[in-house]
Amino acid sequence: FGEKRDKCHLARGRHLFIMGDRNRAKRNDSMNKEQDKKITAGSILA
């Protein structure tokens, strides 16, 4: 029972870690898109 509980905690931890990575990736993609828009506007002005 203890081994099963440890495995469940480990699996849950991995799931949370993966979800955290995905959320960070989404935030980074959003920031990159906003930065690209700013660079595009600056490029047009230049």
All heavy atoms as atom14 arrays in JSON, in Angstrom:
{
  "sequence": "FGEKRDKCHLARGRHLFIMGDRNRAKRNDSMNKEQDKKITAGSILA",
  "atom14_mask": [
    [1, 1, 1, 1, 1, 1, 1, 1, 1, 1, 1, 0, 0, 0],
    [1, 1, 1, 1, 0, 0, 0, 0, 0, 0, 0, 0, 0, 0],
    [1, 1, 1, 1, 1, 1, 1, 1, 1, 0, 0, 0, 0, 0],
    [1, 1, 1, 1, 1, 1, 1, 1, 1, 0, 0, 0, 0, 0],
    [1, 1, 1, 1, 1, 1, 1, 1, 1, 1, 1, 0, 0, 0],
    [1, 1, 1, 1, 1, 1, 1, 1, 0, 0, 0, 0, 0, 0],
    [1, 1, 1, 1, 1, 1, 1, 1, 1, 0, 0, 0, 0, 0],
    [1, 1, 1, 1, 1, 1, 0, 0, 0, 0, 0, 0, 0, 0],
    [1, 1, 1, 1, 1, 1, 1, 1, 1, 1, 0, 0, 0, 0],
    [1, 1, 1, 1, 1, 1, 1, 1, 0, 0, 0, 0, 0, 0],
    [1, 1, 1, 1, 1, 0, 0, 0, 0, 0, 0, 0, 0, 0],
    [1, 1, 1, 1, 1, 1, 1, 1, 1, 1, 1, 0, 0, 0],
    [1, 1, 1, 1, 0, 0, 0, 0, 0, 0, 0, 0, 0, 0],
    [1, 1, 1, 1, 1, 1, 1, 1, 1, 1, 1, 0, 0, 0],
    [1, 1, 1, 1, 1, 1, 1, 1, 1, 1, 0, 0, 0, 0],
    [1, 1, 1, 1, 1, 1, 1, 1, 0, 0, 0, 0, 0, 0],
    [1, 1, 1, 1, 1, 1, 1, 1, 1, 1, 1, 0, 0, 0],
    [1, 1, 1, 1, 1, 1, 1, 1, 0, 0, 0, 0, 0, 0],
    [1, 1, 1, 1, 1, 1, 1, 1, 0, 0, 0, 0, 0, 0],
    [1, 1, 1, 1, 0, 0, 0, 0, 0, 0, 0, 0, 0, 0],
    [1, 1, 1, 1, 1, 1, 1, 1, 0, 0, 0, 0, 0, 0],
    [1, 1, 1, 1, 1, 1, 1, 1, 1, 1, 1, 0, 0, 0],
    [1, 1, 1, 1, 1, 1, 1, 1, 0, 0, 0, 0, 0, 0],
    [1, 1, 1, 1, 1, 1, 1, 1, 1, 1, 1, 0, 0, 0],
    [1, 1, 1, 1, 1, 0, 0, 0, 0, 0, 0, 0, 0, 0],
    [1, 1, 1, 1, 1, 1, 1, 1, 1, 0, 0, 0, 0, 0],
    [1, 1, 1, 1, 1, 1, 1, 1, 1, 1, 1, 0, 0, 0],
    [1, 1, 1, 1, 1, 1, 1, 1, 0, 0, 0, 0, 0, 0],
    [1, 1, 1, 1, 1, 1, 1, 1, 0, 0, 0, 0, 0, 0],
    [1, 1, 1, 1, 1, 1, 0, 0, 0, 0, 0, 0, 0, 0],
    [1, 1, 1, 1, 1, 1, 1, 1, 0, 0, 0, 0, 0, 0],
    [1, 1, 1, 1, 1, 1, 1, 1, 0, 0, 0, 0, 0, 0],
    [1, 1, 1, 1, 1, 1, 1, 1, 1, 0, 0, 0, 0, 0],
    [1, 1, 1, 1, 1, 1, 1, 1, 1, 0, 0, 0, 0, 0],
    [1, 1, 1, 1, 1, 1, 1, 1, 1, 0, 0, 0, 0, 0],
    [1, 1, 1, 1, 1, 1, 1, 1, 0, 0, 0, 0, 0, 0],
    [1, 1, 1, 1, 1, 1, 1, 1, 1, 0, 0, 0, 0, 0],
    [1, 1, 1, 1, 1, 1, 1, 1, 1, 0, 0, 0, 0, 0],
    [1, 1, 1, 1, 1, 1, 1, 1, 0, 0, 0, 0, 0, 0],
    [1, 1, 1, 1, 1, 1, 1, 0, 0, 0, 0, 0, 0, 0],
    [1, 1, 1, 1, 1, 0, 0, 0, 0, 0, 0, 0, 0, 0],
    [1, 1, 1, 1, 0, 0, 0, 0, 0, 0, 0, 0, 0, 0],
    [1, 1, 1, 1, 1, 1, 0, 0, 0, 0, 0, 0, 0, 0],
    [1, 1, 1, 1, 1, 1, 1, 1, 0, 0, 0, 0, 0, 0],
    [1, 1, 1, 1, 1, 1, 1, 1, 0, 0, 0, 0, 0, 0],
    [1, 1, 1, 1, 1, 0, 0, 0, 0, 0, 0, 0, 0, 0]
  ],
  "atom14_positions": [
    [[0.83, -1.21, 0.0], [0.0, 0.0, 0.0], [0.88, 1.27, 0.0], [0.59, 2.24, -0.7], [-0.91, -0.02, 1.23], [-1.73, 1.24, 1.36], [-2.85, 1.43, 0.56], [-1.38, 2.22, 2.28], [-3.61, 2.59, 0.68], [-2.12, 3.38, 2.38], [-3.25, 3.56, 1.6], [0.0, 0.0, 0.0], [0.0, 0.0, 0.0], [0.0, 0.0, 0.0]],
    [[1.97, 1.21, 0.78], [2.88, 2.36, 0.83], [3.53, 2.6, -0.5], [3.71, 3.74, -0.94], [0.0, 0.0, 0.0], [0.0, 0.0, 0.0], [0.0, 0.0, 0.0], [0.0, 0.0, 0.0], [0.0, 0.0, 0.0], [0.0, 0.0, 0.0], [0.0, 0.0, 0.0], [0.0, 0.0, 0.0], [0.0, 0.0, 0.0], [0.0, 0.0, 0.0]],
    [[3.92, 1.51, -1.18], [4.55, 1.66, -2.49], [3.58, 2.25, -3.5], [3.93, 3.11, -4.31], [5.06, 0.3, -2.98], [6.26, -0.2, -2.18], [6.69, -1.58, -2.64], [5.95, -2.18, -3.47], [7.75, -2.06, -2.19], [0.0, 0.0, 0.0], [0.0, 0.0, 0.0], [0.0, 0.0, 0.0], [0.0, 0.0, 0.0], [0.0, 0.0, 0.0]],
    [[2.31, 1.79, -3.46], [1.3, 2.34, -4.37], [1.08, 3.81, -4.11], [0.93, 4.62, -5.03], [-0.01, 1.57, -4.2], [0.04, 0.15, -4.73], [-1.31, -0.53, -4.54], [-1.27, -1.97, -5.08], [-2.57, -2.65, -4.89], [0.0, 0.0, 0.0], [0.0, 0.0, 0.0], [0.0, 0.0, 0.0], [0.0, 0.0, 0.0], [0.0, 0.0, 0.0]],
    [[1.06, 4.18, -2.81], [0.85, 5.58, -2.48], [2.01, 6.44, -2.97], [1.82, 7.53, -3.52], [0.72, 5.72, -0.96], [0.42, 7.15, -0.5], [0.36, 7.21, 1.0], [1.65, 6.79, 1.57], [1.87, 6.6, 2.88], [0.87, 6.76, 3.74], [3.06, 6.24, 3.31], [0.0, 0.0, 0.0], [0.0, 0.0, 0.0], [0.0, 0.0, 0.0]],
    [[3.24, 5.94, -2.84], [4.41, 6.69, -3.33], [4.37, 6.85, -4.85], [4.71, 7.91, -5.38], [5.7, 5.97, -2.92], [5.92, 6.03, -1.41], [5.29, 6.89, -0.77], [6.7, 5.2, -0.9], [0.0, 0.0, 0.0], [0.0, 0.0, 0.0], [0.0, 0.0, 0.0], [0.0, 0.0, 0.0], [0.0, 0.0, 0.0], [0.0, 0.0, 0.0]],
    [[3.93, 5.79, -5.52], [3.83, 5.85, -6.98], [2.78, 6.87, -7.4], [2.96, 7.61, -8.37], [3.49, 4.48, -7.55], [4.64, 3.47, -7.47], [4.24, 2.14, -8.06], [5.4, 1.13, -7.99], [5.0, -0.18, -8.55], [0.0, 0.0, 0.0], [0.0, 0.0, 0.0], [0.0, 0.0, 0.0], [0.0, 0.0, 0.0], [0.0, 0.0, 0.0]],
    [[1.67, 6.9, -6.66], [0.62, 7.88, -6.98], [1.11, 9.3, -6.78], [0.87, 10.18, -7.61], [-0.61, 7.62, -6.09], [-1.53, 6.12, -6.53], [0.0, 0.0, 0.0], [0.0, 0.0, 0.0], [0.0, 0.0, 0.0], [0.0, 0.0, 0.0], [0.0, 0.0, 0.0], [0.0, 0.0, 0.0], [0.0, 0.0, 0.0], [0.0, 0.0, 0.0]],
    [[1.84, 9.53, -5.69], [2.38, 10.86, -5.43], [3.39, 11.25, -6.51], [3.43, 12.41, -6.95], [3.05, 10.89, -4.05], [2.05, 10.87, -2.93], [2.42, 10.64, -1.61], [0.71, 11.04, -2.92], [1.35, 10.67, -0.84], [0.29, 10.91, -1.62], [0.0, 0.0, 0.0], [0.0, 0.0, 0.0], [0.0, 0.0, 0.0], [0.0, 0.0, 0.0]],
    [[4.23, 10.27, -6.91], [5.22, 10.53, -7.94], [4.56, 10.87, -9.28], [4.96, 11.81, -9.98], [6.14, 9.32, -8.09], [7.28, 9.46, -9.13], [8.19, 10.61, -8.77], [8.08, 8.16, -9.22], [0.0, 0.0, 0.0], [0.0, 0.0, 0.0], [0.0, 0.0, 0.0], [0.0, 0.0, 0.0], [0.0, 0.0, 0.0], [0.0, 0.0, 0.0]],
    [[3.53, 10.1, -9.62], [2.82, 10.34, -10.88], [2.14, 11.7, -10.86], [2.14, 12.44, -11.85], [1.79, 9.24, -11.12], [0.0, 0.0, 0.0], [0.0, 0.0, 0.0], [0.0, 0.0, 0.0], [0.0, 0.0, 0.0], [0.0, 0.0, 0.0], [0.0, 0.0, 0.0], [0.0, 0.0, 0.0], [0.0, 0.0, 0.0], [0.0, 0.0, 0.0]],
    [[1.56, 12.02, -9.71], [0.88, 13.32, -9.58], [1.9, 14.46, -9.7], [1.64, 15.48, -10.34], [0.16, 13.4, -8.24], [-0.65, 14.67, -8.08], [-1.36, 14.68, -6.75], [-2.12, 15.91, -6.59], [-2.77, 16.25, -5.48], [-2.74, 15.44, -4.42], [-3.44, 17.38, -5.42], [0.0, 0.0, 0.0], [0.0, 0.0, 0.0], [0.0, 0.0, 0.0]],
    [[3.06, 14.26, -9.08], [4.11, 15.28, -9.17], [4.57, 15.48, -10.6], [4.78, 16.61, -11.05], [0.0, 0.0, 0.0], [0.0, 0.0, 0.0], [0.0, 0.0, 0.0], [0.0, 0.0, 0.0], [0.0, 0.0, 0.0], [0.0, 0.0, 0.0], [0.0, 0.0, 0.0], [0.0, 0.0, 0.0], [0.0, 0.0, 0.0], [0.0, 0.0, 0.0]],
    [[4.74, 14.36, -11.33], [5.14, 14.47, -12.72], [4.08, 15.21, -13.54], [4.39, 16.04, -14.4], [5.37, 13.07, -13.31], [6.63, 12.4, -12.8], [6.74, 11.0, -13.37], [7.97, 10.36, -12.92], [8.25, 9.07, -13.17], [7.36, 8.32, -13.85], [9.38, 8.55, -12.75], [0.0, 0.0, 0.0], [0.0, 0.0, 0.0], [0.0, 0.0, 0.0]],
    [[2.81, 14.9, -13.26], [1.71, 15.55, -13.99], [1.72, 17.05, -13.75], [1.59, 17.85, -14.69], [0.38, 14.94, -13.54], [-0.81, 15.61, -14.15], [-1.16, 15.46, -15.47], [-1.73, 16.46, -13.6], [-2.24, 16.18, -15.73], [-2.62, 16.79, -14.6], [0.0, 0.0, 0.0], [0.0, 0.0, 0.0], [0.0, 0.0, 0.0], [0.0, 0.0, 0.0]],
    [[1.88, 17.45, -12.48], [1.92, 18.87, -12.16], [3.12, 19.56, -12.79], [3.03, 20.7, -13.26], [1.95, 19.06, -10.63], [0.68, 18.64, -9.88], [0.9, 18.75, -8.37], [-0.51, 19.5, -10.31], [0.0, 0.0, 0.0], [0.0, 0.0, 0.0], [0.0, 0.0, 0.0], [0.0, 0.0, 0.0], [0.0, 0.0, 0.0], [0.0, 0.0, 0.0]],
    [[4.26, 18.85, -12.82], [5.46, 19.42, -13.44], [5.26, 19.64, -14.93], [5.62, 20.68, -15.47], [6.64, 18.47, -13.19], [7.93, 18.96, -13.77], [8.65, 19.96, -13.13], [8.42, 18.44, -14.96], [9.84, 20.43, -13.67], [9.59, 18.9, -15.5], [10.32, 19.9, -14.85], [0.0, 0.0, 0.0], [0.0, 0.0, 0.0], [0.0, 0.0, 0.0]],
    [[4.63, 18.64, -15.6], [4.38, 18.75, -17.03], [3.4, 19.89, -17.32], [3.59, 20.68, -18.24], [3.84, 17.42, -17.59], [4.94, 16.35, -17.53], [3.35, 17.59, -19.03], [4.47, 14.97, -17.88], [0.0, 0.0, 0.0], [0.0, 0.0, 0.0], [0.0, 0.0, 0.0], [0.0, 0.0, 0.0], [0.0, 0.0, 0.0], [0.0, 0.0, 0.0]],
    [[2.33, 19.97, -16.49], [1.36, 21.04, -16.67], [2.0, 22.41, -16.45], [1.69, 23.37, -17.16], [0.19, 20.85, -15.71], [-0.68, 19.63, -16.02], [-1.42, 19.71, -17.67], [-2.5, 21.13, -17.45], [0.0, 0.0, 0.0], [0.0, 0.0, 0.0], [0.0, 0.0, 0.0], [0.0, 0.0, 0.0], [0.0, 0.0, 0.0], [0.0, 0.0, 0.0]],
    [[2.9, 22.49, -15.48], [3.6, 23.75, -15.24], [4.46, 24.16, -16.42], [4.5, 25.33, -16.81], [0.0, 0.0, 0.0], [0.0, 0.0, 0.0], [0.0, 0.0, 0.0], [0.0, 0.0, 0.0], [0.0, 0.0, 0.0], [0.0, 0.0, 0.0], [0.0, 0.0, 0.0], [0.0, 0.0, 0.0], [0.0, 0.0, 0.0], [0.0, 0.0, 0.0]],
    [[5.14, 23.17, -17.03], [5.94, 23.45, -18.21], [5.08, 23.95, -19.37], [5.45, 24.87, -20.09], [6.7, 22.19, -18.65], [7.94, 21.96, -17.79], [8.31, 22.89, -17.05], [8.52, 20.87, -17.87], [0.0, 0.0, 0.0], [0.0, 0.0, 0.0], [0.0, 0.0, 0.0], [0.0, 0.0, 0.0], [0.0, 0.0, 0.0], [0.0, 0.0, 0.0]],
    [[3.91, 23.32, -19.52], [3.02, 23.72, -20.6], [2.51, 25.15, -20.39], [2.45, 25.95, -21.34], [1.84, 22.76, -20.7], [2.21, 21.38, -21.23], [1.01, 20.46, -21.23], [1.37, 19.15, -21.77], [0.53, 18.11, -21.8], [-0.71, 18.25, -21.32], [0.92, 16.97, -22.3], [0.0, 0.0, 0.0], [0.0, 0.0, 0.0], [0.0, 0.0, 0.0]],
    [[2.18, 25.48, -19.15], [1.7, 26.83, -18.86], [2.79, 27.86, -19.1], [2.54, 28.94, -19.64], [1.2, 26.91, -17.41], [-0.09, 26.13, -17.2], [-0.86, 25.94, -18.15], [-0.32, 25.66, -15.98], [0.0, 0.0, 0.0], [0.0, 0.0, 0.0], [0.0, 0.0, 0.0], [0.0, 0.0, 0.0], [0.0, 0.0, 0.0], [0.0, 0.0, 0.0]],
    [[4.02, 27.52, -18.68], [5.13, 28.43, -18.91], [5.39, 28.61, -20.4], [5.7, 29.71, -20.87], [6.39, 27.91, -18.21], [6.41, 28.17, -16.7], [7.78, 27.91, -16.12], [8.15, 26.51, -16.2], [7.85, 25.61, -15.26], [7.17, 25.98, -14.19], [8.21, 24.36, -15.41], [0.0, 0.0, 0.0], [0.0, 0.0, 0.0], [0.0, 0.0, 0.0]],
    [[5.27, 27.52, -21.16], [5.48, 27.6, -22.6], [4.43, 28.49, -23.25], [4.73, 29.28, -24.15], [5.43, 26.2, -23.22], [0.0, 0.0, 0.0], [0.0, 0.0, 0.0], [0.0, 0.0, 0.0], [0.0, 0.0, 0.0], [0.0, 0.0, 0.0], [0.0, 0.0, 0.0], [0.0, 0.0, 0.0], [0.0, 0.0, 0.0], [0.0, 0.0, 0.0]],
    [[3.16, 28.36, -22.77], [2.1, 29.2, -23.33], [2.36, 30.67, -23.02], [2.16, 31.54, -23.88], [0.75, 28.78, -22.76], [0.25, 27.44, -23.28], [-1.1, 27.09, -22.66], [-1.6, 25.75, -23.19], [-2.91, 25.39, -22.58], [0.0, 0.0, 0.0], [0.0, 0.0, 0.0], [0.0, 0.0, 0.0], [0.0, 0.0, 0.0], [0.0, 0.0, 0.0]],
    [[2.79, 30.95, -21.78], [3.09, 32.33, -21.42], [4.24, 32.88, -22.26], [4.21, 34.02, -22.71], [3.42, 32.43, -19.93], [2.21, 32.29, -19.02], [2.54, 32.78, -17.62], [3.58, 32.0, -17.0], [3.37, 30.92, -16.26], [2.12, 30.48, -16.06], [4.37, 30.26, -15.72], [0.0, 0.0, 0.0], [0.0, 0.0, 0.0], [0.0, 0.0, 0.0]],
    [[5.26, 32.05, -22.47], [6.41, 32.49, -23.28], [6.0, 32.75, -24.72], [6.45, 33.71, -25.34], [7.52, 31.44, -23.24], [8.2, 31.37, -21.87], [8.18, 32.35, -21.13], [8.78, 30.23, -21.56], [0.0, 0.0, 0.0], [0.0, 0.0, 0.0], [0.0, 0.0, 0.0], [0.0, 0.0, 0.0], [0.0, 0.0, 0.0], [0.0, 0.0, 0.0]],
    [[5.13, 31.85, -25.26], [4.66, 32.06, -26.63], [3.87, 33.35, -26.75], [4.01, 34.1, -27.72], [3.77, 30.88, -27.07], [4.57, 29.61, -27.29], [5.8, 29.72, -27.46], [3.98, 28.52, -27.28], [0.0, 0.0, 0.0], [0.0, 0.0, 0.0], [0.0, 0.0, 0.0], [0.0, 0.0, 0.0], [0.0, 0.0, 0.0], [0.0, 0.0, 0.0]],
    [[3.03, 33.63, -25.74], [2.26, 34.86, -25.75], [3.16, 36.09, -25.69], [2.96, 37.06, -26.41], [1.28, 34.87, -24.57], [0.56, 36.07, -24.52], [0.0, 0.0, 0.0], [0.0, 0.0, 0.0], [0.0, 0.0, 0.0], [0.0, 0.0, 0.0], [0.0, 0.0, 0.0], [0.0, 0.0, 0.0], [0.0, 0.0, 0.0], [0.0, 0.0, 0.0]],
    [[4.18, 36.02, -24.81], [5.12, 37.14, -24.7], [5.9, 37.33, -26.0], [6.15, 38.45, -26.43], [6.08, 36.91, -23.54], [5.41, 36.97, -22.17], [6.53, 36.56, -20.82], [7.73, 37.88, -20.97], [0.0, 0.0, 0.0], [0.0, 0.0, 0.0], [0.0, 0.0, 0.0], [0.0, 0.0, 0.0], [0.0, 0.0, 0.0], [0.0, 0.0, 0.0]],
    [[6.28, 36.21, -26.64], [7.03, 36.3, -27.89], [6.19, 36.91, -29.01], [6.68, 37.69, -29.82], [7.52, 34.91, -28.32], [8.64, 34.4, -27.43], [9.36, 35.19, -26.83], [8.78, 33.08, -27.35], [0.0, 0.0, 0.0], [0.0, 0.0, 0.0], [0.0, 0.0, 0.0], [0.0, 0.0, 0.0], [0.0, 0.0, 0.0], [0.0, 0.0, 0.0]],
    [[4.88, 36.55, -29.02], [3.99, 37.12, -30.04], [3.84, 38.62, -29.84], [3.84, 39.39, -30.79], [2.63, 36.44, -29.98], [2.64, 35.0, -30.49], [1.28, 34.37, -30.41], [1.3, 32.94, -30.93], [-0.04, 32.3, -30.81], [0.0, 0.0, 0.0], [0.0, 0.0, 0.0], [0.0, 0.0, 0.0], [0.0, 0.0, 0.0], [0.0, 0.0, 0.0]],
    [[3.67, 39.03, -28.57], [3.57, 40.46, -28.3], [4.86, 41.18, -28.68], [4.84, 42.28, -29.24], [3.26, 40.69, -26.82], [1.87, 40.22, -26.4], [1.62, 40.46, -24.93], [2.52, 40.98, -24.25], [0.52, 40.11, -24.46], [0.0, 0.0, 0.0], [0.0, 0.0, 0.0], [0.0, 0.0, 0.0], [0.0, 0.0, 0.0], [0.0, 0.0, 0.0]],
    [[6.0, 40.56, -28.39], [7.29, 41.16, -28.74], [7.45, 41.26, -30.24], [7.97, 42.25, -30.77], [8.43, 40.33, -28.14], [9.8, 40.94, -28.34], [9.97, 42.23, -27.59], [9.22, 42.53, -26.68], [10.95, 43.03, -27.99], [0.0, 0.0, 0.0], [0.0, 0.0, 0.0], [0.0, 0.0, 0.0], [0.0, 0.0, 0.0], [0.0, 0.0, 0.0]],
    [[6.97, 40.22, -30.97], [7.06, 40.24, -32.43], [6.24, 41.39, -33.0], [6.64, 42.05, -33.97], [6.56, 38.92, -33.01], [7.55, 37.79, -32.77], [8.72, 38.1, -32.5], [7.13, 36.62, -32.85], [0.0, 0.0, 0.0], [0.0, 0.0, 0.0], [0.0, 0.0, 0.0], [0.0, 0.0, 0.0], [0.0, 0.0, 0.0], [0.0, 0.0, 0.0]],
    [[5.06, 41.64, -32.39], [4.23, 42.75, -32.85], [4.95, 44.07, -32.64], [4.93, 44.95, -33.49], [2.9, 42.75, -32.11], [1.99, 41.58, -32.48], [0.69, 41.65, -31.71], [-0.22, 40.49, -32.07], [-1.48, 40.52, -31.3], [0.0, 0.0, 0.0], [0.0, 0.0, 0.0], [0.0, 0.0, 0.0], [0.0, 0.0, 0.0], [0.0, 0.0, 0.0]],
    [[5.59, 44.23, -31.49], [6.32, 45.46, -31.21], [7.48, 45.63, -32.18], [7.72, 46.71, -32.69], [6.83, 45.44, -29.76], [5.74, 45.53, -28.71], [6.33, 45.51, -27.32], [5.23, 45.57, -26.26], [5.8, 45.53, -24.89], [0.0, 0.0, 0.0], [0.0, 0.0, 0.0], [0.0, 0.0, 0.0], [0.0, 0.0, 0.0], [0.0, 0.0, 0.0]],
    [[8.2, 44.55, -32.45], [9.32, 44.63, -33.38], [8.82, 44.97, -34.77], [9.43, 45.74, -35.49], [10.1, 43.29, -33.38], [10.81, 43.1, -32.03], [11.1, 43.24, -34.52], [11.49, 41.76, -31.89], [0.0, 0.0, 0.0], [0.0, 0.0, 0.0], [0.0, 0.0, 0.0], [0.0, 0.0, 0.0], [0.0, 0.0, 0.0], [0.0, 0.0, 0.0]],
    [[7.67, 44.4, -35.18], [7.12, 44.68, -36.49], [6.77, 46.15, -36.62], [7.07, 46.8, -37.62], [5.88, 43.82, -36.74], [6.24, 42.43, -36.67], [5.28, 44.1, -38.1], [0.0, 0.0, 0.0], [0.0, 0.0, 0.0], [0.0, 0.0, 0.0], [0.0, 0.0, 0.0], [0.0, 0.0, 0.0], [0.0, 0.0, 0.0], [0.0, 0.0, 0.0]],
    [[6.13, 46.7, -35.6], [5.78, 48.12, -35.63], [7.04, 48.98, -35.66], [7.12, 49.97, -36.41], [4.93, 48.47, -34.41], [0.0, 0.0, 0.0], [0.0, 0.0, 0.0], [0.0, 0.0, 0.0], [0.0, 0.0, 0.0], [0.0, 0.0, 0.0], [0.0, 0.0, 0.0], [0.0, 0.0, 0.0], [0.0, 0.0, 0.0], [0.0, 0.0, 0.0]],
    [[8.04, 48.6, -34.88], [9.3, 49.34, -34.88], [10.01, 49.22, -36.21], [10.62, 50.18, -36.69], [0.0, 0.0, 0.0], [0.0, 0.0, 0.0], [0.0, 0.0, 0.0], [0.0, 0.0, 0.0], [0.0, 0.0, 0.0], [0.0, 0.0, 0.0], [0.0, 0.0, 0.0], [0.0, 0.0, 0.0], [0.0, 0.0, 0.0], [0.0, 0.0, 0.0]],
    [[9.93, 48.04, -36.83], [10.58, 47.84, -38.12], [9.94, 48.73, -39.18], [10.65, 49.32, -40.01], [10.47, 46.37, -38.54], [11.13, 45.54, -37.62], [0.0, 0.0, 0.0], [0.0, 0.0, 0.0], [0.0, 0.0, 0.0], [0.0, 0.0, 0.0], [0.0, 0.0, 0.0], [0.0, 0.0, 0.0], [0.0, 0.0, 0.0], [0.0, 0.0, 0.0]],
    [[8.62, 48.84, -39.16], [7.93, 49.69, -40.13], [8.35, 51.14, -39.96], [8.62, 51.84, -40.94], [6.4, 49.54, -39.96], [5.97, 48.13, -40.37], [5.67, 50.58, -40.81], [4.51, 47.84, -40.09], [0.0, 0.0, 0.0], [0.0, 0.0, 0.0], [0.0, 0.0, 0.0], [0.0, 0.0, 0.0], [0.0, 0.0, 0.0], [0.0, 0.0, 0.0]],
    [[8.42, 51.59, -38.72], [8.84, 52.97, -38.46], [10.28, 53.2, -38.91], [10.59, 54.23, -39.53], [8.7, 53.29, -36.97], [9.16, 54.69, -36.53], [8.38, 55.76, -37.27], [9.01, 54.85, -35.02], [0.0, 0.0, 0.0], [0.0, 0.0, 0.0], [0.0, 0.0, 0.0], [0.0, 0.0, 0.0], [0.0, 0.0, 0.0], [0.0, 0.0, 0.0]],
    [[11.16, 52.23, -38.63], [12.56, 52.36, -39.03], [12.71, 52.4, -40.55], [13.43, 53.23, -41.1], [13.38, 51.22, -38.44], [0.0, 0.0, 0.0], [0.0, 0.0, 0.0], [0.0, 0.0, 0.0], [0.0, 0.0, 0.0], [0.0, 0.0, 0.0], [0.0, 0.0, 0.0], [0.0, 0.0, 0.0], [0.0, 0.0, 0.0], [0.0, 0.0, 0.0]]
  ]
}
